[in-house]
Amino acid sequence: GKWQRSKQIIQGSKFSATVTDSSDKALVPQY
């Protein structure tokens, strides 16, 4: 989501209950 630093808020657009490895480069194709 979009990070609003001053308010410490993330305006979410996508949620996942699983965690990807932080070393993965997750490029998600948009069709």
PDB file of all heavy atoms in Angstrom:
ATOM      1  N   GLY A   1       0.817  -1.216   0.000  1.00  0.00           N
ATOM      2  CA  GLY A   1       0.000   0.000   0.000  1.00  0.00           C
ATOM      3  C   GLY A   1       0.846   1.260   0.000  1.00  0.00           C
ATOM      4  O   GLY A   1       2.080   1.210  -0.086  1.00  0.00           O
ATOM      5  N   LYS A   2       0.171   2.404   0.077  1.00  0.00           N
ATOM      6  CA  LYS A   2       0.842   3.703   0.041  1.00  0.00           C
ATOM      7  C   LYS A   2       1.250   4.108   1.458  1.00  0.00           C
ATOM      8  O   LYS A   2       0.428   4.124   2.377  1.00  0.00           O
ATOM      9  CB  LYS A   2      -0.117   4.744  -0.563  1.00  0.00           C
ATOM     10  CG  LYS A   2       0.525   6.089  -0.821  1.00  0.00           C
ATOM     11  CD  LYS A   2      -0.487   7.032  -1.463  1.00  0.00           C
ATOM     12  CE  LYS A   2       0.091   8.413  -1.679  1.00  0.00           C
ATOM     13  NZ  LYS A   2      -0.919   9.335  -2.236  1.00  0.00           N
ATOM     14  N   TRP A   3       2.524   4.431   1.639  1.00  0.00           N
ATOM     15  CA  TRP A   3       3.100   4.756   2.946  1.00  0.00           C
ATOM     16  C   TRP A   3       2.977   6.249   3.227  1.00  0.00           C
ATOM     17  O   TRP A   3       3.457   7.080   2.468  1.00  0.00           O
ATOM     18  CB  TRP A   3       4.555   4.317   2.954  1.00  0.00           C
ATOM     19  CG  TRP A   3       5.405   4.673   4.154  1.00  0.00           C
ATOM     20  CD1 TRP A   3       6.644   5.212   4.118  1.00  0.00           C
ATOM     21  CD2 TRP A   3       5.100   4.468   5.538  1.00  0.00           C
ATOM     22  NE1 TRP A   3       7.148   5.365   5.385  1.00  0.00           N
ATOM     23  CE2 TRP A   3       6.210   4.913   6.294  1.00  0.00           C
ATOM     24  CE3 TRP A   3       3.991   3.956   6.224  1.00  0.00           C
ATOM     25  CZ2 TRP A   3       6.254   4.867   7.684  1.00  0.00           C
ATOM     26  CZ3 TRP A   3       4.021   3.907   7.621  1.00  0.00           C
ATOM     27  CH2 TRP A   3       5.146   4.363   8.336  1.00  0.00           C
ATOM     28  N   GLN A   4       2.248   6.574   4.329  1.00  0.00           N
ATOM     29  CA  GLN A   4       2.132   7.973   4.775  1.00  0.00           C
ATOM     30  C   GLN A   4       3.000   8.128   6.028  1.00  0.00           C
ATOM     31  O   GLN A   4       2.566   7.844   7.142  1.00  0.00           O
ATOM     32  CB  GLN A   4       0.666   8.329   5.064  1.00  0.00           C
ATOM     33  CG  GLN A   4      -0.199   8.225   3.820  1.00  0.00           C
ATOM     34  CD  GLN A   4      -1.685   8.439   4.099  1.00  0.00           C
ATOM     35  OE1 GLN A   4      -2.101   8.531   5.244  1.00  0.00           O
ATOM     36  NE2 GLN A   4      -2.470   8.516   3.044  1.00  0.00           N
ATOM     37  N   ARG A   5       4.229   8.562   5.803  1.00  0.00           N
ATOM     38  CA  ARG A   5       5.233   8.576   6.864  1.00  0.00           C
ATOM     39  C   ARG A   5       4.811   9.414   8.074  1.00  0.00           C
ATOM     40  O   ARG A   5       4.954   8.996   9.223  1.00  0.00           O
ATOM     41  CB  ARG A   5       6.563   9.080   6.289  1.00  0.00           C
ATOM     42  CG  ARG A   5       7.702   9.127   7.311  1.00  0.00           C
ATOM     43  CD  ARG A   5       9.007   9.561   6.677  1.00  0.00           C
ATOM     44  NE  ARG A   5       9.685   8.460   6.008  1.00  0.00           N
ATOM     45  CZ  ARG A   5      10.380   7.522   6.646  1.00  0.00           C
ATOM     46  NH1 ARG A   5      10.464   7.520   7.954  1.00  0.00           N
ATOM     47  NH2 ARG A   5      10.972   6.565   5.983  1.00  0.00           N
ATOM     48  N   SER A   6       4.263  10.623   7.826  1.00  0.00           N
ATOM     49  CA  SER A   6       3.940  11.540   8.941  1.00  0.00           C
ATOM     50  C   SER A   6       2.861  10.957   9.855  1.00  0.00           C
ATOM     51  O   SER A   6       2.871  11.157  11.068  1.00  0.00           O
ATOM     52  CB  SER A   6       3.483  12.897   8.401  1.00  0.00           C
ATOM     53  OG  SER A   6       2.360  12.717   7.557  1.00  0.00           O
ATOM     54  N   LYS A   7       1.918  10.191   9.272  1.00  0.00           N
ATOM     55  CA  LYS A   7       0.829   9.621  10.080  1.00  0.00           C
ATOM     56  C   LYS A   7       1.119   8.187  10.513  1.00  0.00           C
ATOM     57  O   LYS A   7       0.330   7.583  11.258  1.00  0.00           O
ATOM     58  CB  LYS A   7      -0.477   9.634   9.276  1.00  0.00           C
ATOM     59  CG  LYS A   7      -0.963  11.033   8.904  1.00  0.00           C
ATOM     60  CD  LYS A   7      -2.226  10.907   8.062  1.00  0.00           C
ATOM     61  CE  LYS A   7      -2.710  12.274   7.605  1.00  0.00           C
ATOM     62  NZ  LYS A   7      -3.840  12.168   6.663  1.00  0.00           N
ATOM     63  N   GLN A   8       2.239   7.610   9.996  1.00  0.00           N
ATOM     64  CA  GLN A   8       2.589   6.205  10.274  1.00  0.00           C
ATOM     65  C   GLN A   8       1.446   5.275   9.848  1.00  0.00           C
ATOM     66  O   GLN A   8       1.097   4.330  10.557  1.00  0.00           O
ATOM     67  CB  GLN A   8       2.915   5.985  11.769  1.00  0.00           C
ATOM     68  CG  GLN A   8       4.114   6.774  12.280  1.00  0.00           C
ATOM     69  CD  GLN A   8       5.443   6.225  11.749  1.00  0.00           C
ATOM     70  OE1 GLN A   8       5.957   6.705  10.750  1.00  0.00           O
ATOM     71  NE2 GLN A   8       5.979   5.219  12.413  1.00  0.00           N
ATOM     72  N   ILE A   9       0.877   5.583   8.666  1.00  0.00           N
ATOM     73  CA  ILE A   9      -0.247   4.783   8.146  1.00  0.00           C
ATOM     74  C   ILE A   9       0.117   4.196   6.780  1.00  0.00           C
ATOM     75  O   ILE A   9       0.734   4.878   5.959  1.00  0.00           O
ATOM     76  CB  ILE A   9      -1.523   5.657   7.991  1.00  0.00           C
ATOM     77  CG1 ILE A   9      -2.072   6.065   9.365  1.00  0.00           C
ATOM     78  CG2 ILE A   9      -2.607   4.950   7.173  1.00  0.00           C
ATOM     79  CD1 ILE A   9      -3.272   7.007   9.293  1.00  0.00           C
ATOM     80  N   ILE A  10      -0.281   2.942   6.574  1.00  0.00           N
ATOM     81  CA  ILE A  10      -0.212   2.363   5.218  1.00  0.00           C
ATOM     82  C   ILE A  10      -1.642   2.259   4.706  1.00  0.00           C
ATOM     83  O   ILE A  10      -2.488   1.610   5.340  1.00  0.00           O
ATOM     84  CB  ILE A  10       0.445   0.967   5.208  1.00  0.00           C
ATOM     85  CG1 ILE A  10       1.924   1.063   5.583  1.00  0.00           C
ATOM     86  CG2 ILE A  10       0.309   0.324   3.819  1.00  0.00           C
ATOM     87  CD1 ILE A  10       2.644  -0.274   5.669  1.00  0.00           C
ATOM     88  N   GLN A  11      -1.913   2.923   3.602  1.00  0.00           N
ATOM     89  CA  GLN A  11      -3.233   2.818   2.967  1.00  0.00           C
ATOM     90  C   GLN A  11      -3.179   1.589   2.073  1.00  0.00           C
ATOM     91  O   GLN A  11      -2.614   1.619   0.979  1.00  0.00           O
ATOM     92  CB  GLN A  11      -3.519   4.081   2.155  1.00  0.00           C
ATOM     93  CG  GLN A  11      -4.987   4.340   2.010  1.00  0.00           C
ATOM     94  CD  GLN A  11      -5.284   5.761   1.581  1.00  0.00           C
ATOM     95  OE1 GLN A  11      -4.406   6.587   1.456  1.00  0.00           O
ATOM     96  NE2 GLN A  11      -6.543   6.036   1.344  1.00  0.00           N
ATOM     97  N   GLY A  12      -3.753   0.480   2.548  1.00  0.00           N
ATOM     98  CA  GLY A  12      -3.559  -0.822   1.910  1.00  0.00           C
ATOM     99  C   GLY A  12      -4.275  -0.989   0.588  1.00  0.00           C
ATOM    100  O   GLY A  12      -5.380  -0.490   0.384  1.00  0.00           O
ATOM    101  N   SER A  13      -3.621  -1.734  -0.319  1.00  0.00           N
ATOM    102  CA  SER A  13      -4.259  -2.098  -1.587  1.00  0.00           C
ATOM    103  C   SER A  13      -4.253  -3.615  -1.761  1.00  0.00           C
ATOM    104  O   SER A  13      -5.037  -4.156  -2.521  1.00  0.00           O
ATOM    105  CB  SER A  13      -3.539  -1.438  -2.765  1.00  0.00           C
ATOM    106  OG  SER A  13      -2.178  -1.811  -2.787  1.00  0.00           O
ATOM    107  N   LYS A  14      -3.342  -4.305  -1.030  1.00  0.00           N
ATOM    108  CA  LYS A  14      -3.247  -5.760  -1.178  1.00  0.00           C
ATOM    109  C   LYS A  14      -2.831  -6.374   0.153  1.00  0.00           C
ATOM    110  O   LYS A  14      -1.928  -5.861   0.831  1.00  0.00           O
ATOM    111  CB  LYS A  14      -2.213  -6.073  -2.270  1.00  0.00           C
ATOM    112  CG  LYS A  14      -2.216  -7.506  -2.734  1.00  0.00           C
ATOM    113  CD  LYS A  14      -1.296  -7.663  -3.944  1.00  0.00           C
ATOM    114  CE  LYS A  14      -1.255  -9.098  -4.403  1.00  0.00           C
ATOM    115  NZ  LYS A  14      -0.325  -9.282  -5.529  1.00  0.00           N
ATOM    116  N   PHE A  15      -3.496  -7.482   0.538  1.00  0.00           N
ATOM    117  CA  PHE A  15      -3.218  -8.139   1.814  1.00  0.00           C
ATOM    118  C   PHE A  15      -2.938  -9.617   1.560  1.00  0.00           C
ATOM    119  O   PHE A  15      -3.596 -10.252   0.745  1.00  0.00           O
ATOM    120  CB  PHE A  15      -4.432  -7.997   2.744  1.00  0.00           C
ATOM    121  CG  PHE A  15      -4.284  -8.744   4.041  1.00  0.00           C
ATOM    122  CD1 PHE A  15      -3.633  -8.159   5.118  1.00  0.00           C
ATOM    123  CD2 PHE A  15      -4.773 -10.040   4.176  1.00  0.00           C
ATOM    124  CE1 PHE A  15      -3.482  -8.856   6.309  1.00  0.00           C
ATOM    125  CE2 PHE A  15      -4.614 -10.739   5.362  1.00  0.00           C
ATOM    126  CZ  PHE A  15      -3.970 -10.140   6.438  1.00  0.00           C
ATOM    127  N   SER A  16      -1.939 -10.158   2.253  1.00  0.00           N
ATOM    128  CA  SER A  16      -1.665 -11.588   2.139  1.00  0.00           C
ATOM    129  C   SER A  16      -1.324 -12.152   3.508  1.00  0.00           C
ATOM    130  O   SER A  16      -0.547 -11.549   4.268  1.00  0.00           O
ATOM    131  CB  SER A  16      -0.488 -11.823   1.191  1.00  0.00           C
ATOM    132  OG  SER A  16      -0.157 -13.199   1.189  1.00  0.00           O
ATOM    133  N   ALA A  17      -1.939 -13.290   3.824  1.00  0.00           N
ATOM    134  CA  ALA A  17      -1.686 -13.931   5.120  1.00  0.00           C
ATOM    135  C   ALA A  17      -0.402 -14.745   5.098  1.00  0.00           C
ATOM    136  O   ALA A  17       0.014 -15.295   6.113  1.00  0.00           O
ATOM    137  CB  ALA A  17      -2.871 -14.822   5.496  1.00  0.00           C
ATOM    138  N   THR A  18       0.241 -14.836   3.925  1.00  0.00           N
ATOM    139  CA  THR A  18       1.523 -15.546   3.835  1.00  0.00           C
ATOM    140  C   THR A  18       2.636 -14.522   3.676  1.00  0.00           C
ATOM    141  O   THR A  18       2.418 -13.400   3.225  1.00  0.00           O
ATOM    142  CB  THR A  18       1.544 -16.500   2.624  1.00  0.00           C
ATOM    143  OG1 THR A  18       1.287 -15.736   1.455  1.00  0.00           O
ATOM    144  CG2 THR A  18       0.485 -17.584   2.757  1.00  0.00           C
ATOM    145  N   VAL A  19       3.851 -14.923   4.019  1.00  0.00           N
ATOM    146  CA  VAL A  19       4.987 -14.007   3.947  1.00  0.00           C
ATOM    147  C   VAL A  19       5.984 -14.518   2.923  1.00  0.00           C
ATOM    148  O   VAL A  19       6.387 -15.678   2.965  1.00  0.00           O
ATOM    149  CB  VAL A  19       5.690 -13.881   5.322  1.00  0.00           C
ATOM    150  CG1 VAL A  19       6.825 -12.874   5.240  1.00  0.00           C
ATOM    151  CG2 VAL A  19       4.698 -13.459   6.377  1.00  0.00           C
ATOM    152  N   THR A  20       6.360 -13.619   1.981  1.00  0.00           N
ATOM    153  CA  THR A  20       7.405 -14.006   1.020  1.00  0.00           C
ATOM    154  C   THR A  20       8.752 -13.717   1.654  1.00  0.00           C
ATOM    155  O   THR A  20       8.874 -12.829   2.500  1.00  0.00           O
ATOM    156  CB  THR A  20       7.278 -13.186  -0.280  1.00  0.00           C
ATOM    157  OG1 THR A  20       7.215 -11.809   0.072  1.00  0.00           O
ATOM    158  CG2 THR A  20       6.057 -13.560  -1.067  1.00  0.00           C
ATOM    159  N   ASP A  21       9.758 -14.474   1.252  1.00  0.00           N
ATOM    160  CA  ASP A  21      11.125 -14.252   1.740  1.00  0.00           C
ATOM    161  C   ASP A  21      11.563 -12.846   1.325  1.00  0.00           C
ATOM    162  O   ASP A  21      11.410 -12.461   0.171  1.00  0.00           O
ATOM    163  CB  ASP A  21      12.032 -15.309   1.100  1.00  0.00           C
ATOM    164  CG  ASP A  21      13.460 -15.239   1.638  1.00  0.00           C
ATOM    165  OD1 ASP A  21      13.823 -14.173   2.163  1.00  0.00           O
ATOM    166  OD2 ASP A  21      14.178 -16.241   1.504  1.00  0.00           O
ATOM    167  N   SER A  22      12.104 -12.077   2.253  1.00  0.00           N
ATOM    168  CA  SER A  22      12.472 -10.683   1.949  1.00  0.00           C
ATOM    169  C   SER A  22      13.569 -10.593   0.894  1.00  0.00           C
ATOM    170  O   SER A  22      13.767  -9.560   0.277  1.00  0.00           O
ATOM    171  CB  SER A  22      12.923  -9.960   3.218  1.00  0.00           C
ATOM    172  OG  SER A  22      14.044 -10.625   3.753  1.00  0.00           O
ATOM    173  N   SER A  23      14.289 -11.714   0.645  1.00  0.00           N
ATOM    174  CA  SER A  23      15.338 -11.670  -0.386  1.00  0.00           C
ATOM    175  C   SER A  23      14.733 -11.843  -1.785  1.00  0.00           C
ATOM    176  O   SER A  23      15.378 -11.585  -2.781  1.00  0.00           O
ATOM    177  CB  SER A  23      16.377 -12.762  -0.135  1.00  0.00           C
ATOM    178  OG  SER A  23      15.744 -14.028  -0.262  1.00  0.00           O
ATOM    179  N   ASP A  24      13.465 -12.323  -1.855  1.00  0.00           N
ATOM    180  CA  ASP A  24      12.814 -12.501  -3.162  1.00  0.00           C
ATOM    181  C   ASP A  24      12.535 -11.151  -3.803  1.00  0.00           C
ATOM    182  O   ASP A  24      12.168 -10.196  -3.125  1.00  0.00           O
ATOM    183  CB  ASP A  24      11.467 -13.233  -3.002  1.00  0.00           C
ATOM    184  CG  ASP A  24      11.679 -14.717  -2.770  1.00  0.00           C
ATOM    185  OD1 ASP A  24      12.832 -15.145  -2.861  1.00  0.00           O
ATOM    186  OD2 ASP A  24      10.690 -15.409  -2.480  1.00  0.00           O
ATOM    187  N   LYS A  25      12.697 -11.101  -5.113  1.00  0.00           N
ATOM    188  CA  LYS A  25      12.353  -9.887  -5.858  1.00  0.00           C
ATOM    189  C   LYS A  25      11.002 -10.173  -6.486  1.00  0.00           C
ATOM    190  O   LYS A  25      10.910 -10.860  -7.498  1.00  0.00           O
ATOM    191  CB  LYS A  25      13.426  -9.611  -6.927  1.00  0.00           C
ATOM    192  CG  LYS A  25      13.334  -8.240  -7.543  1.00  0.00           C
ATOM    193  CD  LYS A  25      13.838  -7.186  -6.593  1.00  0.00           C
ATOM    194  CE  LYS A  25      13.913  -5.834  -7.265  1.00  0.00           C
ATOM    195  NZ  LYS A  25      13.974  -4.736  -6.345  1.00  0.00           N
ATOM    196  N   ALA A  26       9.934  -9.731  -5.842  1.00  0.00           N
ATOM    197  CA  ALA A  26       8.597 -10.105  -6.301  1.00  0.00           C
ATOM    198  C   ALA A  26       8.071  -9.100  -7.317  1.00  0.00           C
ATOM    199  O   ALA A  26       7.504  -8.079  -6.955  1.00  0.00           O
ATOM    200  CB  ALA A  26       7.662 -10.205  -5.102  1.00  0.00           C
ATOM    201  N   LEU A  27       8.303  -9.394  -8.604  1.00  0.00           N
ATOM    202  CA  LEU A  27       7.763  -8.543  -9.669  1.00  0.00           C
ATOM    203  C   LEU A  27       6.445  -9.154 -10.123  1.00  0.00           C
ATOM    204  O   LEU A  27       6.412 -10.284 -10.608  1.00  0.00           O
ATOM    205  CB  LEU A  27       8.743  -8.486 -10.846  1.00  0.00           C
ATOM    206  CG  LEU A  27       9.988  -7.629 -10.621  1.00  0.00           C
ATOM    207  CD1 LEU A  27      10.986  -7.860 -11.744  1.00  0.00           C
ATOM    208  CD2 LEU A  27       9.645  -6.161 -10.544  1.00  0.00           C
ATOM    209  N   VAL A  28       5.364  -8.418  -9.921  1.00  0.00           N
ATOM    210  CA  VAL A  28       4.040  -8.958 -10.225  1.00  0.00           C
ATOM    211  C   VAL A  28       3.534  -8.367 -11.542  1.00  0.00           C
ATOM    212  O   VAL A  28       3.342  -7.154 -11.642  1.00  0.00           O
ATOM    213  CB  VAL A  28       3.044  -8.643  -9.082  1.00  0.00           C
ATOM    214  CG1 VAL A  28       1.680  -9.223  -9.403  1.00  0.00           C
ATOM    215  CG2 VAL A  28       3.584  -9.196  -7.771  1.00  0.00           C
ATOM    216  N   PRO A  29       3.326  -9.208 -12.568  1.00  0.00           N
ATOM    217  CA  PRO A  29       2.857  -8.700 -13.864  1.00  0.00           C
ATOM    218  C   PRO A  29       1.433  -8.144 -13.763  1.00  0.00           C
ATOM    219  O   PRO A  29       0.585  -8.715 -13.072  1.00  0.00           O
ATOM    220  CB  PRO A  29       2.865  -9.940 -14.769  1.00  0.00           C
ATOM    221  CG  PRO A  29       3.645 -10.967 -14.035  1.00  0.00           C
ATOM    222  CD  PRO A  29       3.513 -10.657 -12.595  1.00  0.00           C
ATOM    223  N   GLN A  30       1.181  -7.030 -14.437  1.00  0.00           N
ATOM    224  CA  GLN A  30      -0.159  -6.432 -14.495  1.00  0.00           C
ATOM    225  C   GLN A  30      -0.666  -6.601 -15.935  1.00  0.00           C
ATOM    226  O   GLN A  30      -0.049  -6.100 -16.871  1.00  0.00           O
ATOM    227  CB  GLN A  30      -0.108  -4.946 -14.138  1.00  0.00           C
ATOM    228  CG  GLN A  30       0.523  -4.663 -12.782  1.00  0.00           C
ATOM    229  CD  GLN A  30      -0.260  -5.260 -11.628  1.00  0.00           C
ATOM    230  OE1 GLN A  30      -1.441  -5.004 -11.477  1.00  0.00           O
ATOM    231  NE2 GLN A  30       0.412  -6.067 -10.803  1.00  0.00           N
ATOM    232  N   TYR A  31      -1.789  -7.316 -16.077  1.00  0.00           N
ATOM    233  CA  TYR A  31      -2.344  -7.583 -17.405  1.00  0.00           C
ATOM    234  C   TYR A  31      -3.553  -6.686 -17.680  1.00  0.00           C
ATOM    235  O   TYR A  31      -4.253  -6.291 -16.753  1.00  0.00           O
ATOM    236  CB  TYR A  31      -2.797  -9.049 -17.516  1.00  0.00           C
ATOM    237  CG  TYR A  31      -1.677 -10.048 -17.476  1.00  0.00           C
ATOM    238  CD1 TYR A  31      -1.294 -10.648 -16.276  1.00  0.00           C
ATOM    239  CD2 TYR A  31      -0.991 -10.397 -18.639  1.00  0.00           C
ATOM    240  CE1 TYR A  31      -0.261 -11.574 -16.230  1.00  0.00           C
ATOM    241  CE2 TYR A  31       0.042 -11.331 -18.605  1.00  0.00           C
ATOM    242  CZ  TYR A  31       0.404 -11.906 -17.404  1.00  0.00           C
ATOM    243  OH  TYR A  31       1.431 -12.813 -17.362  1.00  0.00           O
TER     244      TYR A  31
END
